[in-house]
Amino acid sequence: MMSVEISADFDPVSRKVSVRMFARGLGQFGALAEPVVFKTVEQDGLWAPPALVLDMTAAQQMVDELWRCGLRPSEGSGSAGALAATERHLADMRTIALASLEAKGIKCR
């Protein structure tokens, strides 16, 4: 069974991200992915086969590596980690607010 490993590195000087891929389970030592080659076409809008197909584990590894390099979605409302931190903060604030009201003799629970 083949498994793909992906790593990415950000070069702050060129402001480019390098992506490397290694496949285990192919040959004695594995296999390195070669650079993508673009092929000119005679017509715009032609259907093209995928340049890369990844299983969900490798795709998640790619997303994690790009995140580590500083890339974030251009749209959307943040990550699950940011949402979890906000939820914890709101729970803390709720506890503080209820304690403050109860200290003033206002029953809230």
Protein backbone atom coordinates (compact mmCIF):
# COMPACT_ATOMS: atom_id res chain seq x y z
CA MET A 1 0.00 0.00 0.00
CA MET A 2 1.34 3.42 -0.95
CA SER A 3 1.29 6.37 1.44
CA VAL A 4 2.18 9.92 0.44
CA GLU A 5 4.07 12.30 2.74
CA ILE A 6 4.01 16.02 2.04
CA SER A 7 6.20 18.81 3.37
CA ALA A 8 6.17 22.51 2.62
CA ASP A 9 8.62 25.32 3.27
CA PHE A 10 8.08 29.07 3.02
CA ASP A 11 10.97 31.23 1.78
CA PRO A 12 10.42 34.75 3.14
CA VAL A 13 12.90 36.26 0.67
CA SER A 14 11.17 35.02 -2.50
CA ARG A 15 7.74 34.81 -0.76
CA LYS A 16 7.22 31.38 -2.31
CA VAL A 17 6.19 28.04 -0.86
CA SER A 18 8.03 24.87 -1.89
CA VAL A 19 6.05 21.63 -1.71
CA ARG A 20 7.78 18.27 -1.64
CA MET A 21 6.14 14.83 -1.84
CA PHE A 22 7.46 11.40 -1.04
CA ALA A 23 5.60 8.12 -1.58
CA ARG A 24 6.34 5.13 0.60
CA GLY A 25 5.48 1.67 -0.66
CA LEU A 26 6.84 2.21 -4.17
CA GLY A 27 10.11 0.39 -4.71
CA GLN A 28 12.75 -0.40 -2.13
CA PHE A 29 13.22 3.15 -0.83
CA GLY A 30 10.06 4.92 -1.99
CA ALA A 31 9.61 7.56 -4.66
CA LEU A 32 10.06 11.33 -4.91
CA ALA A 33 7.58 13.46 -6.82
CA GLU A 34 9.12 15.37 -9.72
CA PRO A 35 8.34 18.97 -10.60
CA VAL A 36 5.01 19.58 -12.33
CA VAL A 37 5.35 20.20 -16.07
CA PHE A 38 2.83 22.45 -17.83
CA LYS A 39 1.78 21.47 -21.33
CA THR A 40 0.52 24.09 -23.79
CA VAL A 41 -2.89 23.51 -25.32
CA GLU A 42 -4.41 24.71 -28.56
CA GLN A 43 -7.78 25.65 -27.10
CA ASP A 44 -8.91 27.41 -23.94
CA GLY A 45 -11.33 25.67 -21.58
CA LEU A 46 -10.35 22.08 -22.39
CA TRP A 47 -11.01 19.44 -19.76
CA ALA A 48 -7.83 18.35 -18.05
CA PRO A 49 -7.16 15.33 -15.86
CA PRO A 50 -6.11 16.14 -12.28
CA ALA A 51 -2.44 16.99 -11.89
CA LEU A 52 -2.52 15.39 -8.44
CA VAL A 53 -4.89 13.07 -6.57
CA LEU A 54 -4.41 12.63 -2.80
CA ASP A 55 -6.16 10.50 -0.25
CA MET A 56 -7.69 12.38 2.69
CA THR A 57 -4.69 11.75 4.96
CA ALA A 58 -2.20 13.20 2.47
CA ALA A 59 -4.55 16.09 1.62
CA GLN A 60 -4.85 16.94 5.33
CA GLN A 61 -1.08 16.77 5.66
CA MET A 62 -0.77 19.23 2.77
CA VAL A 63 -3.25 21.63 4.39
CA ASP A 64 -1.42 21.35 7.72
CA GLU A 65 1.95 22.01 6.05
CA LEU A 66 0.61 25.05 4.20
CA TRP A 67 -0.89 26.33 7.48
CA ARG A 68 2.53 25.86 9.12
CA CYS A 69 3.98 28.01 6.32
CA GLY A 70 1.57 30.81 7.22
CA LEU A 71 -1.18 30.32 4.64
CA ARG A 72 -4.78 30.79 5.77
CA PRO A 73 -8.08 30.57 3.88
CA SER A 74 -8.85 33.85 2.09
CA GLU A 75 -12.53 33.52 3.01
CA GLY A 76 -14.30 32.08 6.00
CA SER A 77 -14.37 32.79 9.68
CA GLY A 78 -11.18 31.25 11.02
CA SER A 79 -10.18 27.84 12.12
CA ALA A 80 -11.70 25.25 14.42
CA GLY A 81 -8.93 26.06 16.91
CA ALA A 82 -9.85 29.75 16.92
CA LEU A 83 -13.51 28.87 17.37
CA ALA A 84 -12.71 26.56 20.29
CA ALA A 85 -10.64 29.32 21.94
CA THR A 86 -13.53 31.77 21.49
CA GLU A 87 -15.98 29.28 22.97
CA ARG A 88 -13.73 28.78 26.03
CA HIS A 89 -13.41 32.55 26.41
CA LEU A 90 -17.19 32.99 26.27
CA ALA A 91 -17.68 30.26 28.89
CA ASP A 92 -15.17 32.03 31.16
CA MET A 93 -16.90 35.38 30.63
CA ARG A 94 -20.29 33.80 31.39
CA THR A 95 -18.91 32.40 34.68
CA ILE A 96 -17.45 35.78 35.63
CA ALA A 97 -20.68 37.64 34.76
CA LEU A 98 -22.89 35.21 36.71
CA ALA A 99 -20.57 35.34 39.73
CA SER A 100 -20.62 39.13 39.62
CA LEU A 101 -24.43 39.25 39.48
CA GLU A 102 -24.77 36.70 42.30
CA ALA A 103 -22.33 38.76 44.42
CA LYS A 104 -24.78 41.64 44.02
CA GLY A 105 -27.64 39.42 45.21
CA ILE A 106 -29.14 38.77 41.75
CA LYS A 107 -30.08 35.12 41.31
CA CYS A 108 -29.35 33.89 37.75
CA ARG A 109 -29.31 30.10 37.97
